[in-house]
Amino acid sequence: LREDFYYKNIKKTLLYNNNTNNLKILNNIIDEIHEISLEEYIPNIIHYIFGLVEQKEEFMFIYYISIFSNILINKPKIIYFHYQYEPYGYWWNKIKKYLRLNKINVTNFTVNDKRLIHYAHISDYLRLYYLHKYGGIYYDIDTICIKNHNELLKNDLVLGIQEKYNDDYDLICNAIIYSKKNNFFIKLW
């Protein structure tokens, strides 16, 4: 299956790009995805979603620290940065070399024939989509890690509690989510 996928994508890459550099990049990505899919635990890959609306100010220092804290403390295999509008500025230029950039188009974004308009709702959906598809950890861009998360990777799913609703029951927090690939609860959510 992996070889079939690999050769089909080689043909596509050569047909549409005619560029051997793209072929090398594709091969590396396929190898990484294959390696991650064999893992028993939640894969140590991180997802950030940012820039779903056009950026009007420079990438902030707090965002740089958020990503850099993960690099130093958690040492992820890959940090995916999913965005529509690429950030800019001093702190972005310092951190982007550590990221696997994934440009997406969320203009006219629909889920089950329903158009999502607000960027926060699109981000809510995308974080679950990428976790279900690849597994890993989603962090809000302003989350700073101060402790290693390796022990949490031994679970199928890790969620936080945000607050009580009318003092009756707890709400699930989606600012930090750990999940194995194809997790059933993430799919339902």
Protein backbone atom coordinates (compact mmCIF):
# COMPACT_ATOMS: atom_id res chain seq x y z
CA LEU A 1 0.00 0.00 0.00
CA ARG A 2 2.82 2.37 0.90
CA GLU A 3 4.64 1.65 -2.36
CA ASP A 4 1.44 2.09 -4.36
CA PHE A 5 0.83 5.45 -2.68
CA TYR A 6 4.48 6.42 -3.19
CA TYR A 7 4.58 5.63 -6.93
CA LYS A 8 1.23 7.29 -7.67
CA ASN A 9 2.47 10.46 -6.01
CA ILE A 10 5.80 10.33 -7.83
CA LYS A 11 3.88 10.37 -11.12
CA LYS A 12 1.71 13.30 -9.95
CA THR A 13 4.71 15.26 -8.75
CA LEU A 14 6.64 14.78 -11.96
CA LEU A 15 3.59 15.43 -14.14
CA TYR A 16 2.55 18.68 -12.47
CA ASN A 17 5.86 20.04 -11.20
CA ASN A 18 8.56 18.40 -13.29
CA ASN A 19 10.95 19.13 -10.48
CA THR A 20 13.19 16.57 -8.78
CA ASN A 21 13.43 18.72 -5.61
CA ASN A 22 9.68 18.28 -5.08
CA LEU A 23 10.13 14.53 -5.49
CA LYS A 24 12.74 14.44 -2.69
CA ILE A 25 10.46 16.46 -0.41
CA LEU A 26 7.52 14.15 -1.17
CA ASN A 27 9.64 11.07 -0.45
CA ASN A 28 10.72 12.47 2.92
CA ILE A 29 7.13 13.32 3.89
CA ILE A 30 5.89 9.84 2.92
CA ASP A 31 8.65 8.23 5.00
CA GLU A 32 7.80 10.40 8.02
CA ILE A 33 4.07 9.65 7.79
CA HIS A 34 4.77 5.92 7.45
CA GLU A 35 7.07 5.96 10.50
CA ILE A 36 4.52 7.88 12.58
CA SER A 37 1.67 5.54 11.62
CA LEU A 38 3.59 2.57 13.07
CA GLU A 39 3.91 4.13 16.53
CA GLU A 40 2.16 2.47 19.45
CA TYR A 41 1.64 5.70 21.39
CA ILE A 42 0.46 9.18 20.55
CA PRO A 43 3.11 10.38 18.09
CA ASN A 44 5.35 13.18 19.32
CA ILE A 45 4.31 15.55 16.56
CA ILE A 46 2.78 18.93 17.23
CA HIS A 47 0.11 20.85 15.33
CA TYR A 48 -0.44 24.61 15.44
CA ILE A 49 -3.18 26.39 13.49
CA PHE A 50 -2.66 30.07 12.84
CA GLY A 51 -3.26 32.78 10.28
CA LEU A 52 -6.73 31.82 9.09
CA VAL A 53 -7.36 35.57 8.69
CA GLU A 54 -4.91 37.99 7.10
CA GLN A 55 -2.26 39.08 9.57
CA LYS A 56 -2.29 42.80 10.44
CA GLU A 57 0.51 42.71 12.98
CA GLU A 58 3.83 40.93 13.30
CA PHE A 59 4.13 37.46 14.80
CA MET A 60 4.33 38.03 18.54
CA PHE A 61 7.10 37.05 20.93
CA ILE A 62 4.65 34.95 23.01
CA TYR A 63 3.96 32.78 19.93
CA TYR A 64 7.69 32.35 19.35
CA ILE A 65 8.17 31.30 23.00
CA SER A 66 5.23 28.88 22.74
CA ILE A 67 6.77 27.03 19.81
CA PHE A 68 10.33 27.27 21.11
CA SER A 69 9.30 25.86 24.51
CA ASN A 70 8.03 22.76 22.70
CA ILE A 71 11.26 22.44 20.73
CA LEU A 72 13.39 22.64 23.88
CA ILE A 73 11.26 20.64 26.30
CA ASN A 74 9.32 18.10 24.20
CA LYS A 75 11.69 17.63 21.24
CA PRO A 76 8.93 16.73 18.74
CA LYS A 77 9.70 14.82 15.54
CA ILE A 78 7.74 17.36 13.50
CA ILE A 79 5.95 20.61 14.24
CA TYR A 80 3.20 21.23 11.70
CA PHE A 81 2.17 24.85 11.27
CA HIS A 82 -1.16 24.95 9.40
CA TYR A 83 -2.01 28.41 8.05
CA GLN A 84 -3.73 30.31 5.25
CA TYR A 85 -1.91 33.63 5.64
CA GLU A 86 1.75 33.28 6.54
CA PRO A 87 2.85 35.31 9.55
CA TYR A 88 5.64 37.87 9.23
CA GLY A 89 8.09 39.74 11.40
CA TYR A 90 11.24 39.25 13.42
CA TRP A 91 10.00 36.43 15.68
CA TRP A 92 8.42 34.55 12.75
CA ASN A 93 11.69 34.67 10.83
CA LYS A 94 13.51 33.20 13.84
CA ILE A 95 11.10 30.25 14.36
CA LYS A 96 9.84 29.21 10.93
CA LYS A 97 12.94 27.16 10.09
CA TYR A 98 11.83 24.66 12.78
CA LEU A 99 8.35 24.20 11.32
CA ARG A 100 6.76 22.08 8.61
CA LEU A 101 4.62 24.73 6.94
CA ASN A 102 1.25 23.58 5.60
CA LYS A 103 -0.54 26.28 3.62
CA ILE A 104 -4.28 25.64 3.54
CA ASN A 105 -7.21 27.44 1.95
CA VAL A 106 -10.18 27.96 4.26
CA THR A 107 -12.02 30.44 2.06
CA ASN A 108 -15.60 29.13 1.68
CA PHE A 109 -14.84 26.36 4.18
CA THR A 110 -17.67 23.86 4.56
CA VAL A 111 -18.27 20.85 6.78
CA ASN A 112 -21.18 18.54 5.89
CA ASP A 113 -22.56 21.17 3.50
CA LYS A 114 -22.54 23.84 6.22
CA ARG A 115 -20.30 26.84 5.67
CA LEU A 116 -18.10 27.81 8.61
CA ILE A 117 -17.52 31.55 8.62
CA HIS A 118 -15.71 32.46 11.84
CA TYR A 119 -12.01 31.58 11.86
CA ALA A 120 -12.26 30.24 15.44
CA HIS A 121 -14.83 27.64 14.35
CA ILE A 122 -12.70 26.67 11.37
CA SER A 123 -9.71 26.27 13.68
CA ASP A 124 -11.80 24.13 16.07
CA TYR A 125 -12.66 21.80 13.22
CA LEU A 126 -9.15 21.69 11.71
CA ARG A 127 -7.42 20.76 14.96
CA LEU A 128 -9.67 17.69 15.26
CA TYR A 129 -9.27 16.87 11.57
CA TYR A 130 -5.45 16.87 11.72
CA LEU A 131 -5.37 14.95 15.00
CA HIS A 132 -7.69 12.30 13.59
CA LYS A 133 -5.71 12.03 10.37
CA TYR A 134 -2.15 12.09 11.77
CA GLY A 135 -2.38 11.90 15.55
CA GLY A 136 -0.15 14.00 17.76
CA ILE A 137 -0.63 17.02 19.95
CA TYR A 138 -2.51 20.21 19.22
CA TYR A 139 -1.44 23.32 21.14
CA ASP A 140 -2.96 26.77 20.98
CA ILE A 141 -0.28 29.17 19.78
CA ASP A 142 -0.10 30.93 23.17
CA THR A 143 0.54 27.75 25.22
CA ILE A 144 3.95 27.64 26.86
CA CYS A 145 5.32 24.23 27.90
CA ILE A 146 7.22 24.06 31.16
CA LYS A 147 7.22 20.29 31.63
CA ASN A 148 7.89 17.39 29.26
CA HIS A 149 4.75 15.69 27.93
CA ASN A 150 6.21 12.22 27.22
CA GLU A 151 4.21 10.44 29.96
CA LEU A 152 0.95 11.70 28.42
CA LEU A 153 1.86 10.11 25.06
CA LYS A 154 1.22 6.64 26.52
CA ASN A 155 -2.55 7.23 26.36
CA ASP A 156 -5.00 7.04 23.48
CA LEU A 157 -6.42 10.49 24.19
CA VAL A 158 -5.72 13.30 26.67
CA LEU A 159 -8.09 16.24 27.15
CA GLY A 160 -8.28 19.01 29.70
CA ILE A 161 -11.22 20.37 31.64
CA GLN A 162 -11.96 24.00 30.92
CA GLU A 163 -14.59 25.10 33.43
CA LYS A 164 -17.89 24.23 35.00
CA TYR A 165 -21.05 25.03 33.06
CA ASN A 166 -23.78 26.41 35.38
CA ASP A 167 -22.00 24.56 38.22
CA ASP A 168 -23.41 21.30 36.79
CA TYR A 169 -20.80 19.68 34.60
CA ASP A 170 -17.31 20.23 33.24
CA LEU A 171 -16.58 21.41 29.71
CA ILE A 172 -13.87 19.87 27.55
CA CYS A 173 -11.01 22.22 26.71
CA ASN A 174 -9.68 22.14 23.16
CA ALA A 175 -6.63 24.39 23.68
CA ILE A 176 -4.42 21.33 24.21
CA ILE A 177 -5.36 17.91 22.83
CA TYR A 178 -3.28 14.72 22.67
CA SER A 179 -4.58 11.96 20.40
CA LYS A 180 -3.61 8.81 18.61
CA LYS A 181 -4.32 8.71 14.90
CA ASN A 182 -7.91 7.64 14.05
CA ASN A 183 -9.11 8.10 17.62
CA PHE A 184 -12.82 7.26 17.86
CA PHE A 185 -13.73 10.10 20.24
CA ILE A 186 -11.97 12.69 18.07
CA LYS A 187 -13.95 11.43 15.07
CA LEU A 188 -17.23 11.76 16.99
CA TRP A 189 -16.29 15.17 18.32
